[in-house]
């Protein structure tokens, strides 16, 4: 496998790790209402777990309010149950047509817990990126061993893989800093 292909594959996989982190962060609660808190929540609908965003319109008309309007009013109870059993810690208000979620301000202790959780997610993303680096370096070592690439190409490839690793770890750190700022904002 040519060095450029190894680098392209590594970059693609590192990008997926950062994208996954961004998706995970959408579900981490901040002081503001966000549809991302509930849109991927699984609702038991006709016996199968279905993402909430496939069952309802989700809106945030006010900074502290999420409104969920199901396409089928018959699934209001199922949505309400899913919210109650989630770890959001928010009690839904069901008026028979829509479900309202009032987002209370976060306590200092809860903010610290959420930041700790955000740091854990960032660390998992960094571990994924480092695993990609390890895999790419193994491929480069094997290519050199098989004599399909010269030694200087292998070292150039390893240097570029390390540069990619540093670049994507910086992106993870930027996401963490941004999310921590959102969580601490009152």
N, C-alpha and C. Protein backbone atom coordinates (compact mmCIF):
# COMPACT_ATOMS: atom_id res chain seq x y z
N UNK A 1 0.85 -1.18 0.00
CA UNK A 1 0.00 0.00 0.00
C UNK A 1 0.90 1.24 0.00
N UNK A 2 0.73 2.13 -0.97
CA UNK A 2 1.56 3.34 -1.03
C UNK A 2 1.36 4.22 0.21
N UNK A 3 2.37 5.01 0.52
CA UNK A 3 2.34 5.87 1.70
C UNK A 3 1.15 6.83 1.64
N UNK A 4 0.88 7.38 0.46
CA UNK A 4 -0.23 8.32 0.33
C UNK A 4 -1.56 7.67 0.69
N UNK A 5 -1.74 6.41 0.31
CA UNK A 5 -2.98 5.70 0.65
C UNK A 5 -3.09 5.48 2.15
N UNK A 6 -1.97 5.16 2.79
CA UNK A 6 -1.96 4.97 4.25
C UNK A 6 -2.36 6.28 4.93
N UNK A 7 -1.78 7.38 4.45
CA UNK A 7 -2.08 8.69 5.04
C UNK A 7 -3.54 9.08 4.82
N UNK A 8 -4.05 8.81 3.63
CA UNK A 8 -5.44 9.14 3.32
C UNK A 8 -6.39 8.35 4.21
N UNK A 9 -6.11 7.06 4.36
CA UNK A 9 -6.94 6.21 5.22
C UNK A 9 -6.88 6.69 6.67
N UNK A 10 -5.69 7.02 7.15
CA UNK A 10 -5.52 7.48 8.53
C UNK A 10 -6.28 8.79 8.76
N UNK A 11 -6.16 9.71 7.80
CA UNK A 11 -6.84 11.00 7.95
C UNK A 11 -8.35 10.81 7.97
N UNK A 12 -8.85 9.94 7.10
CA UNK A 12 -10.29 9.66 7.05
C UNK A 12 -10.79 9.11 8.39
N UNK A 13 -10.05 8.17 8.95
CA UNK A 13 -10.46 7.55 10.22
C UNK A 13 -10.34 8.53 11.39
N UNK A 14 -9.34 9.40 11.36
CA UNK A 14 -9.20 10.41 12.41
C UNK A 14 -10.34 11.42 12.33
N UNK A 15 -10.71 11.78 11.11
CA UNK A 15 -11.83 12.71 10.91
C UNK A 15 -13.12 12.11 11.46
N UNK A 16 -13.31 10.80 11.26
CA UNK A 16 -14.50 10.13 11.79
C UNK A 16 -14.53 10.20 13.31
N UNK A 17 -13.37 10.07 13.95
CA UNK A 17 -13.30 10.15 15.42
C UNK A 17 -13.73 11.54 15.91
N UNK A 18 -13.28 12.59 15.21
CA UNK A 18 -13.64 13.95 15.60
C UNK A 18 -15.13 14.19 15.33
N UNK A 19 -15.65 13.69 14.21
CA UNK A 19 -17.07 13.83 13.90
C UNK A 19 -17.92 13.11 14.93
N UNK A 20 -17.49 11.93 15.33
CA UNK A 20 -18.21 11.17 16.35
C UNK A 20 -18.24 11.95 17.67
N UNK A 21 -17.13 12.57 18.02
CA UNK A 21 -17.07 13.37 19.25
C UNK A 21 -18.07 14.53 19.16
N UNK A 22 -18.11 15.20 18.02
CA UNK A 22 -19.04 16.32 17.85
C UNK A 22 -20.49 15.84 18.00
N UNK A 23 -20.80 14.66 17.45
CA UNK A 23 -22.14 14.09 17.59
C UNK A 23 -22.45 13.78 19.05
N UNK A 24 -21.48 13.21 19.75
CA UNK A 24 -21.67 12.89 21.18
C UNK A 24 -21.91 14.18 21.97
N UNK A 25 -21.18 15.23 21.64
CA UNK A 25 -21.32 16.49 22.37
C UNK A 25 -22.69 17.13 22.16
N UNK A 26 -23.34 16.85 21.04
CA UNK A 26 -24.68 17.39 20.81
C UNK A 26 -25.66 16.88 21.88
N UNK A 27 -25.41 15.69 22.38
CA UNK A 27 -26.29 15.11 23.39
C UNK A 27 -25.94 15.48 24.82
N UNK A 28 -24.83 16.20 25.01
CA UNK A 28 -24.44 16.63 26.36
C UNK A 28 -25.14 17.95 26.66
N UNK A 29 -25.83 17.96 27.77
CA UNK A 29 -26.65 19.11 28.13
C UNK A 29 -25.80 20.32 28.50
N UNK A 30 -26.25 21.48 28.04
CA UNK A 30 -25.66 22.75 28.47
C UNK A 30 -26.78 23.52 29.15
N UNK A 31 -26.56 24.75 29.49
CA UNK A 31 -27.59 25.55 30.15
C UNK A 31 -28.72 25.96 29.22
N UNK A 32 -28.56 25.75 27.94
CA UNK A 32 -29.57 26.16 26.95
C UNK A 32 -30.30 24.96 26.38
N UNK A 33 -31.50 25.22 25.90
CA UNK A 33 -32.28 24.16 25.26
C UNK A 33 -31.68 23.89 23.88
N UNK A 34 -31.57 22.62 23.53
CA UNK A 34 -31.04 22.23 22.23
C UNK A 34 -31.77 20.97 21.79
N UNK A 35 -32.20 20.95 20.53
CA UNK A 35 -32.89 19.75 20.03
C UNK A 35 -31.96 18.54 20.05
N UNK A 36 -30.65 18.79 20.02
CA UNK A 36 -29.68 17.70 20.05
C UNK A 36 -29.74 16.86 21.32
N UNK A 37 -30.32 17.44 22.39
CA UNK A 37 -30.46 16.69 23.64
C UNK A 37 -31.36 15.48 23.49
N UNK A 38 -32.38 15.61 22.63
CA UNK A 38 -33.39 14.55 22.56
C UNK A 38 -33.55 13.92 21.18
N UNK A 39 -33.01 14.51 20.14
CA UNK A 39 -33.33 14.03 18.79
C UNK A 39 -32.90 12.59 18.51
N UNK A 40 -31.85 12.12 19.15
CA UNK A 40 -31.40 10.74 18.92
C UNK A 40 -31.86 9.78 20.01
N UNK A 41 -32.68 10.29 20.92
CA UNK A 41 -33.21 9.45 22.00
C UNK A 41 -34.08 8.35 21.39
N UNK A 42 -33.90 7.13 21.85
CA UNK A 42 -34.67 5.99 21.33
C UNK A 42 -36.02 5.89 22.04
N UNK A 43 -37.08 5.81 21.24
CA UNK A 43 -38.44 5.68 21.75
C UNK A 43 -38.97 4.32 21.32
N UNK A 44 -39.53 3.58 22.26
CA UNK A 44 -40.11 2.27 21.96
C UNK A 44 -41.43 2.53 21.23
N UNK A 45 -41.43 2.37 19.89
CA UNK A 45 -42.59 2.70 19.06
C UNK A 45 -42.99 1.46 18.27
N UNK A 46 -44.15 0.94 18.56
CA UNK A 46 -44.65 -0.31 17.96
C UNK A 46 -43.62 -1.43 18.09
N UNK A 47 -43.02 -1.51 19.27
CA UNK A 47 -42.12 -2.62 19.57
C UNK A 47 -40.68 -2.47 19.10
N UNK A 48 -40.35 -1.38 18.43
CA UNK A 48 -38.96 -1.22 18.00
C UNK A 48 -38.43 0.15 18.43
N UNK A 49 -37.17 0.20 18.86
CA UNK A 49 -36.60 1.49 19.27
C UNK A 49 -36.39 2.39 18.05
N UNK A 50 -36.99 3.56 18.09
CA UNK A 50 -36.95 4.50 16.97
C UNK A 50 -36.40 5.84 17.46
N UNK A 51 -35.48 6.47 16.72
CA UNK A 51 -35.00 7.79 17.13
C UNK A 51 -36.15 8.81 17.17
N UNK A 52 -36.14 9.65 18.18
CA UNK A 52 -37.22 10.62 18.36
C UNK A 52 -37.38 11.55 17.16
N UNK A 53 -36.28 11.91 16.51
CA UNK A 53 -36.38 12.83 15.37
C UNK A 53 -37.12 12.22 14.18
N UNK A 54 -37.36 10.89 14.19
CA UNK A 54 -38.16 10.25 13.14
C UNK A 54 -39.63 10.19 13.51
N UNK A 55 -39.95 10.51 14.76
CA UNK A 55 -41.33 10.43 15.24
C UNK A 55 -41.97 11.79 15.45
N UNK A 56 -41.16 12.85 15.51
CA UNK A 56 -41.71 14.15 15.89
C UNK A 56 -40.87 15.30 15.38
N UNK A 57 -41.53 16.47 15.32
CA UNK A 57 -40.82 17.73 15.09
C UNK A 57 -40.27 18.18 16.42
N UNK A 58 -39.03 18.61 16.45
CA UNK A 58 -38.42 19.06 17.70
C UNK A 58 -37.98 20.50 17.49
N UNK A 59 -38.47 21.38 18.37
CA UNK A 59 -38.13 22.79 18.24
C UNK A 59 -37.71 23.40 19.56
N UNK A 60 -37.03 24.54 19.47
CA UNK A 60 -36.62 25.28 20.67
C UNK A 60 -37.08 26.72 20.51
N UNK A 61 -38.37 26.99 20.81
CA UNK A 61 -38.89 28.35 20.64
C UNK A 61 -38.30 29.36 21.62
N UNK A 62 -37.82 28.89 22.76
CA UNK A 62 -37.21 29.76 23.77
C UNK A 62 -35.89 29.12 24.22
N UNK A 63 -34.98 29.91 24.79
CA UNK A 63 -33.69 29.35 25.21
C UNK A 63 -33.78 28.26 26.27
N UNK A 64 -34.86 28.22 27.04
CA UNK A 64 -34.98 27.23 28.11
C UNK A 64 -36.09 26.21 27.84
N UNK A 65 -36.56 26.10 26.59
CA UNK A 65 -37.72 25.25 26.29
C UNK A 65 -37.50 24.43 25.01
N UNK A 66 -37.82 23.14 25.11
CA UNK A 66 -37.83 22.26 23.93
C UNK A 66 -39.27 21.81 23.75
N UNK A 67 -39.78 21.92 22.52
CA UNK A 67 -41.14 21.49 22.22
C UNK A 67 -41.06 20.32 21.24
N UNK A 68 -41.74 19.23 21.60
CA UNK A 68 -41.76 18.02 20.78
C UNK A 68 -43.18 17.80 20.29
N UNK A 69 -43.38 17.87 18.97
CA UNK A 69 -44.71 17.69 18.39
C UNK A 69 -44.68 16.43 17.53
N UNK A 70 -45.26 15.33 18.05
CA UNK A 70 -45.21 14.06 17.31
C UNK A 70 -46.08 14.10 16.05
N UNK A 71 -45.64 13.37 15.04
CA UNK A 71 -46.43 13.25 13.82
C UNK A 71 -47.68 12.43 14.11
N UNK A 72 -47.56 11.45 15.00
CA UNK A 72 -48.68 10.60 15.42
C UNK A 72 -48.94 10.88 16.89
N UNK A 73 -50.05 11.58 17.21
CA UNK A 73 -50.33 11.90 18.62
C UNK A 73 -50.44 10.66 19.52
N UNK A 74 -50.64 9.50 18.94
CA UNK A 74 -50.75 8.27 19.71
C UNK A 74 -49.45 7.86 20.37
N UNK A 75 -48.34 8.42 19.94
CA UNK A 75 -47.05 8.02 20.52
C UNK A 75 -46.57 9.00 21.60
N UNK A 76 -47.44 9.93 22.01
CA UNK A 76 -47.06 10.88 23.06
C UNK A 76 -46.61 10.17 24.34
N UNK A 77 -47.36 9.16 24.75
CA UNK A 77 -47.03 8.43 25.98
C UNK A 77 -45.67 7.72 25.85
N UNK A 78 -45.41 7.15 24.67
CA UNK A 78 -44.13 6.47 24.44
C UNK A 78 -42.96 7.45 24.53
N UNK A 79 -43.14 8.63 23.93
CA UNK A 79 -42.10 9.65 23.96
C UNK A 79 -41.87 10.12 25.40
N UNK A 80 -42.98 10.34 26.10
CA UNK A 80 -42.89 10.79 27.49
C UNK A 80 -42.13 9.76 28.34
N UNK A 81 -42.44 8.49 28.12
CA UNK A 81 -41.78 7.41 28.87
C UNK A 81 -40.28 7.39 28.58
N UNK A 82 -39.92 7.56 27.30
CA UNK A 82 -38.50 7.55 26.91
C UNK A 82 -37.75 8.71 27.58
N UNK A 83 -38.38 9.86 27.66
CA UNK A 83 -37.74 11.02 28.29
C UNK A 83 -37.56 10.78 29.79
N UNK A 84 -38.59 10.21 30.42
CA UNK A 84 -38.53 9.94 31.86
C UNK A 84 -37.45 8.92 32.20
N UNK A 85 -37.26 7.92 31.34
CA UNK A 85 -36.27 6.87 31.63
C UNK A 85 -34.85 7.27 31.19
N UNK A 86 -34.72 8.39 30.45
CA UNK A 86 -33.39 8.84 30.04
C UNK A 86 -32.67 9.47 31.23
N UNK A 87 -31.40 9.79 31.02
CA UNK A 87 -30.63 10.41 32.11
C UNK A 87 -30.62 11.93 32.04
N UNK A 88 -31.61 12.51 31.34
CA UNK A 88 -31.67 13.97 31.22
C UNK A 88 -32.02 14.65 32.54
N UNK A 89 -32.85 13.99 33.34
CA UNK A 89 -33.27 14.59 34.59
C UNK A 89 -34.28 15.70 34.39
N UNK A 90 -35.08 15.59 33.33
CA UNK A 90 -36.10 16.60 33.02
C UNK A 90 -37.45 15.91 32.98
N UNK A 91 -38.46 16.53 33.62
CA UNK A 91 -39.80 15.97 33.61
C UNK A 91 -40.58 16.59 32.45
N UNK A 92 -41.11 15.75 31.54
CA UNK A 92 -41.86 16.29 30.41
C UNK A 92 -43.25 16.77 30.82
N UNK A 93 -43.74 17.79 30.13
CA UNK A 93 -45.10 18.29 30.34
C UNK A 93 -45.89 17.95 29.08
N UNK A 94 -46.87 17.06 29.23
CA UNK A 94 -47.66 16.57 28.11
C UNK A 94 -49.04 17.21 28.16
N UNK A 95 -49.41 17.95 27.09
CA UNK A 95 -50.75 18.56 27.07
C UNK A 95 -51.69 17.86 26.09
N UNK A 96 -51.31 16.68 25.61
CA UNK A 96 -52.15 15.92 24.69
C UNK A 96 -51.83 16.16 23.23
N UNK A 97 -51.13 17.25 22.91
CA UNK A 97 -50.75 17.55 21.52
C UNK A 97 -49.23 17.62 21.37
N UNK A 98 -48.61 18.27 22.34
CA UNK A 98 -47.15 18.41 22.31
C UNK A 98 -46.58 18.10 23.69
N UNK A 99 -45.29 17.85 23.70
CA UNK A 99 -44.57 17.66 24.96
C UNK A 99 -43.60 18.82 25.10
N UNK A 100 -43.65 19.45 26.26
CA UNK A 100 -42.74 20.56 26.53
C UNK A 100 -41.71 20.10 27.56
N UNK A 101 -40.47 20.45 27.30
CA UNK A 101 -39.38 20.17 28.25
C UNK A 101 -38.78 21.51 28.67
N UNK A 102 -38.99 21.87 29.92
CA UNK A 102 -38.40 23.10 30.45
C UNK A 102 -37.02 22.74 30.99
N UNK A 103 -36.02 23.39 30.44
CA UNK A 103 -34.63 23.11 30.82
C UNK A 103 -34.27 23.99 32.01
N UNK A 104 -34.13 23.39 33.19
CA UNK A 104 -33.75 24.20 34.36
C UNK A 104 -32.28 24.58 34.28
N UNK A 105 -31.92 25.67 34.95
CA UNK A 105 -30.49 26.02 34.98
C UNK A 105 -29.69 24.92 35.68
N UNK A 106 -28.47 24.72 35.24
CA UNK A 106 -27.62 23.68 35.81
C UNK A 106 -27.00 24.14 37.12
N UNK A 107 -26.95 23.24 38.08
CA UNK A 107 -26.26 23.55 39.33
C UNK A 107 -24.75 23.47 39.08
N UNK A 108 -23.99 24.07 39.98
CA UNK A 108 -22.53 24.05 39.85
C UNK A 108 -22.00 22.62 39.84
N UNK A 109 -22.57 21.78 40.71
CA UNK A 109 -22.14 20.38 40.79
C UNK A 109 -22.44 19.65 39.48
N UNK A 110 -23.62 19.87 38.93
CA UNK A 110 -24.01 19.20 37.67
C UNK A 110 -23.11 19.68 36.53
N UNK A 111 -22.78 20.97 36.51
CA UNK A 111 -21.88 21.50 35.48
C UNK A 111 -20.53 20.77 35.53
N UNK A 112 -20.01 20.58 36.75
CA UNK A 112 -18.73 19.90 36.90
C UNK A 112 -18.82 18.45 36.42
N UNK A 113 -19.95 17.79 36.71
CA UNK A 113 -20.15 16.41 36.24
C UNK A 113 -20.17 16.37 34.71
N UNK A 114 -20.87 17.34 34.10
CA UNK A 114 -20.96 17.37 32.63
C UNK A 114 -19.60 17.66 32.00
N UNK A 115 -18.82 18.53 32.61
CA UNK A 115 -17.49 18.81 32.07
C UNK A 115 -16.61 17.57 32.19
N UNK A 116 -16.73 16.86 33.31
CA UNK A 116 -15.98 15.61 33.49
C UNK A 116 -16.37 14.61 32.40
N UNK A 117 -17.68 14.51 32.11
CA UNK A 117 -18.16 13.61 31.06
C UNK A 117 -17.61 14.04 29.70
N UNK A 118 -17.62 15.35 29.44
CA UNK A 118 -17.09 15.87 28.17
C UNK A 118 -15.61 15.54 28.02
N UNK A 119 -14.87 15.63 29.13
CA UNK A 119 -13.43 15.29 29.09
C UNK A 119 -13.23 13.80 28.80
N UNK A 120 -14.10 12.96 29.37
CA UNK A 120 -14.01 11.51 29.10
C UNK A 120 -14.26 11.23 27.62
N UNK A 121 -15.27 11.89 27.04
CA UNK A 121 -15.57 11.70 25.62
C UNK A 121 -14.39 12.17 24.76
N UNK A 122 -13.78 13.29 25.13
CA UNK A 122 -12.62 13.80 24.39
C UNK A 122 -11.46 12.82 24.48
N UNK A 123 -11.25 12.25 25.65
CA UNK A 123 -10.16 11.29 25.83
C UNK A 123 -10.39 10.04 24.97
N UNK A 124 -11.65 9.60 24.89
CA UNK A 124 -11.97 8.45 24.03
C UNK A 124 -11.65 8.77 22.57
N UNK A 125 -11.96 10.00 22.14
CA UNK A 125 -11.66 10.40 20.77
C UNK A 125 -10.15 10.42 20.53
N UNK A 126 -9.40 10.93 21.51
CA UNK A 126 -7.94 10.95 21.38
C UNK A 126 -7.37 9.54 21.30
N UNK A 127 -7.93 8.63 22.10
CA UNK A 127 -7.48 7.24 22.06
C UNK A 127 -7.74 6.64 20.68
N UNK A 128 -8.92 6.94 20.11
CA UNK A 128 -9.24 6.45 18.76
C UNK A 128 -8.22 6.98 17.75
N UNK A 129 -7.89 8.25 17.87
CA UNK A 129 -6.92 8.86 16.95
C UNK A 129 -5.55 8.20 17.10
N UNK A 130 -5.15 7.95 18.32
CA UNK A 130 -3.85 7.29 18.55
C UNK A 130 -3.84 5.86 18.03
N UNK A 131 -4.98 5.19 18.14
CA UNK A 131 -5.08 3.83 17.59
C UNK A 131 -4.94 3.85 16.07
N UNK A 132 -5.51 4.87 15.43
CA UNK A 132 -5.36 5.02 13.98
C UNK A 132 -3.88 5.23 13.65
N UNK A 133 -3.21 6.07 14.45
CA UNK A 133 -1.76 6.31 14.24
C UNK A 133 -0.99 4.99 14.35
N UNK A 134 -1.29 4.22 15.38
CA UNK A 134 -0.61 2.94 15.59
C UNK A 134 -0.82 2.01 14.38
N UNK A 135 -2.08 1.93 13.92
CA UNK A 135 -2.39 1.07 12.77
C UNK A 135 -1.64 1.52 11.52
N UNK A 136 -1.61 2.83 11.28
CA UNK A 136 -0.91 3.36 10.10
C UNK A 136 0.58 3.07 10.19
N UNK A 137 1.16 3.25 11.36
CA UNK A 137 2.59 2.97 11.54
C UNK A 137 2.89 1.49 11.33
N UNK A 138 1.98 0.62 11.77
CA UNK A 138 2.17 -0.82 11.56
C UNK A 138 2.18 -1.14 10.06
N UNK A 139 1.26 -0.53 9.33
CA UNK A 139 1.20 -0.76 7.88
C UNK A 139 2.50 -0.29 7.23
N UNK A 140 2.98 0.89 7.63
CA UNK A 140 4.23 1.41 7.06
C UNK A 140 5.41 0.50 7.40
N UNK A 141 5.48 0.02 8.63
CA UNK A 141 6.55 -0.92 9.01
C UNK A 141 6.49 -2.19 8.17
N UNK A 142 5.28 -2.70 7.97
CA UNK A 142 5.11 -3.93 7.19
C UNK A 142 5.51 -3.71 5.73
N UNK A 143 5.15 -2.55 5.18
CA UNK A 143 5.52 -2.24 3.80
C UNK A 143 7.04 -2.18 3.64
N UNK A 144 7.72 -1.58 4.62
CA UNK A 144 9.19 -1.52 4.57
C UNK A 144 9.77 -2.93 4.69
N UNK A 145 9.20 -3.72 5.59
CA UNK A 145 9.67 -5.09 5.80
C UNK A 145 9.49 -5.93 4.53
N UNK A 146 8.37 -5.70 3.83
CA UNK A 146 8.10 -6.42 2.58
C UNK A 146 8.87 -5.81 1.41
N UNK A 147 9.60 -4.74 1.67
CA UNK A 147 10.41 -4.04 0.67
C UNK A 147 9.57 -3.44 -0.47
N UNK A 148 8.36 -3.01 -0.16
CA UNK A 148 7.55 -2.34 -1.18
C UNK A 148 7.75 -0.83 -1.14
N UNK A 149 8.29 -0.33 -0.02
CA UNK A 149 8.65 1.10 0.06
C UNK A 149 10.04 1.20 0.68
N UNK A 150 10.83 2.21 0.27
CA UNK A 150 12.16 2.40 0.87
C UNK A 150 12.05 2.94 2.30
N UNK A 151 13.13 2.80 3.04
CA UNK A 151 13.15 3.20 4.45
C UNK A 151 12.83 4.68 4.64
N UNK A 152 13.40 5.54 3.78
CA UNK A 152 13.15 6.98 3.94
C UNK A 152 11.68 7.32 3.70
N UNK A 153 11.02 6.59 2.80
CA UNK A 153 9.57 6.78 2.58
C UNK A 153 8.79 6.40 3.83
N UNK A 154 9.21 5.31 4.48
CA UNK A 154 8.53 4.87 5.70
C UNK A 154 8.64 5.96 6.77
N UNK A 155 9.84 6.52 6.95
CA UNK A 155 10.03 7.54 7.98
C UNK A 155 9.26 8.82 7.63
N UNK A 156 9.23 9.17 6.35
CA UNK A 156 8.45 10.34 5.92
C UNK A 156 6.98 10.10 6.23
N UNK A 157 6.50 8.90 5.93
CA UNK A 157 5.11 8.56 6.20
C UNK A 157 4.79 8.61 7.68
N UNK A 158 5.69 8.09 8.52
CA UNK A 158 5.47 8.12 9.97
C UNK A 158 5.44 9.56 10.49
N UNK A 159 6.30 10.41 9.94
CA UNK A 159 6.30 11.83 10.35
C UNK A 159 4.97 12.48 9.99
N UNK A 160 4.47 12.18 8.78
CA UNK A 160 3.21 12.77 8.35
C UNK A 160 2.04 12.23 9.17
N UNK A 161 2.08 10.95 9.53
CA UNK A 161 1.04 10.37 10.38
C UNK A 161 1.05 11.07 11.74
N UNK A 162 2.23 11.36 12.27
CA UNK A 162 2.33 12.06 13.56
C UNK A 162 1.78 13.47 13.45
N UNK A 163 2.05 14.15 12.32
CA UNK A 163 1.51 15.49 12.10
C UNK A 163 -0.02 15.45 12.08
N UNK A 164 -0.58 14.44 11.38
CA UNK A 164 -2.03 14.28 11.35
C UNK A 164 -2.57 14.04 12.76
N UNK A 165 -1.88 13.20 13.52
CA UNK A 165 -2.31 12.90 14.89
C UNK A 165 -2.35 14.18 15.72
N UNK A 166 -1.30 14.97 15.64
CA UNK A 166 -1.25 16.23 16.39
C UNK A 166 -2.38 17.17 15.96
N UNK A 167 -2.62 17.24 14.65
CA UNK A 167 -3.65 18.11 14.10
C UNK A 167 -5.03 17.71 14.63
N UNK A 168 -5.33 16.41 14.60
CA UNK A 168 -6.66 15.96 15.03
C UNK A 168 -6.82 15.98 16.54
N UNK A 169 -5.74 15.77 17.29
CA UNK A 169 -5.83 15.90 18.74
C UNK A 169 -6.10 17.36 19.12
N UNK A 170 -5.54 18.29 18.35
CA UNK A 170 -5.82 19.71 18.58
C UNK A 170 -7.29 20.01 18.32
N UNK A 171 -7.85 19.41 17.26
CA UNK A 171 -9.28 19.61 16.97
C UNK A 171 -10.14 19.09 18.11
N UNK A 172 -9.77 17.93 18.66
CA UNK A 172 -10.51 17.36 19.80
C UNK A 172 -10.45 18.33 20.98
N UNK A 173 -9.27 18.87 21.23
CA UNK A 173 -9.09 19.80 22.35
C UNK A 173 -9.93 21.06 22.13
N UNK A 174 -10.02 21.53 20.88
CA UNK A 174 -10.84 22.71 20.58
C UNK A 174 -12.31 22.42 20.84
N UNK A 175 -12.78 21.23 20.44
CA UNK A 175 -14.17 20.84 20.71
C UNK A 175 -14.43 20.81 22.22
N UNK A 176 -13.49 20.25 22.97
CA UNK A 176 -13.64 20.16 24.43
C UNK A 176 -13.69 21.55 25.06
N UNK A 177 -12.81 22.43 24.64
CA UNK A 177 -12.79 23.79 25.18
C UNK A 177 -14.10 24.51 24.89
N UNK A 178 -14.59 24.36 23.67
CA UNK A 178 -15.85 25.00 23.28
C UNK A 178 -17.01 24.45 24.11
N UNK A 179 -17.08 23.12 24.25
CA UNK A 179 -18.18 22.50 24.99
C UNK A 179 -18.10 22.87 26.47
N UNK A 180 -16.91 22.88 27.03
CA UNK A 180 -16.75 23.27 28.44
C UNK A 180 -17.23 24.70 28.66
N UNK A 181 -16.91 25.57 27.72
CA UNK A 181 -17.37 26.96 27.80
C UNK A 181 -18.89 27.05 27.76
N UNK A 182 -19.51 26.25 26.88
CA UNK A 182 -20.98 26.25 26.80
C UNK A 182 -21.60 25.74 28.09
N UNK A 183 -21.00 24.72 28.68
CA UNK A 183 -21.54 24.15 29.92
C UNK A 183 -21.41 25.15 31.07
N UNK A 184 -20.30 25.85 31.16
CA UNK A 184 -20.07 26.77 32.27
C UNK A 184 -20.82 28.09 32.11
N UNK A 185 -21.28 28.38 30.89
CA UNK A 185 -22.01 29.63 30.64
C UNK A 185 -23.35 29.60 31.36
N UNK A 186 -23.63 30.66 32.09
CA UNK A 186 -24.89 30.71 32.86
C UNK A 186 -25.90 31.55 32.11
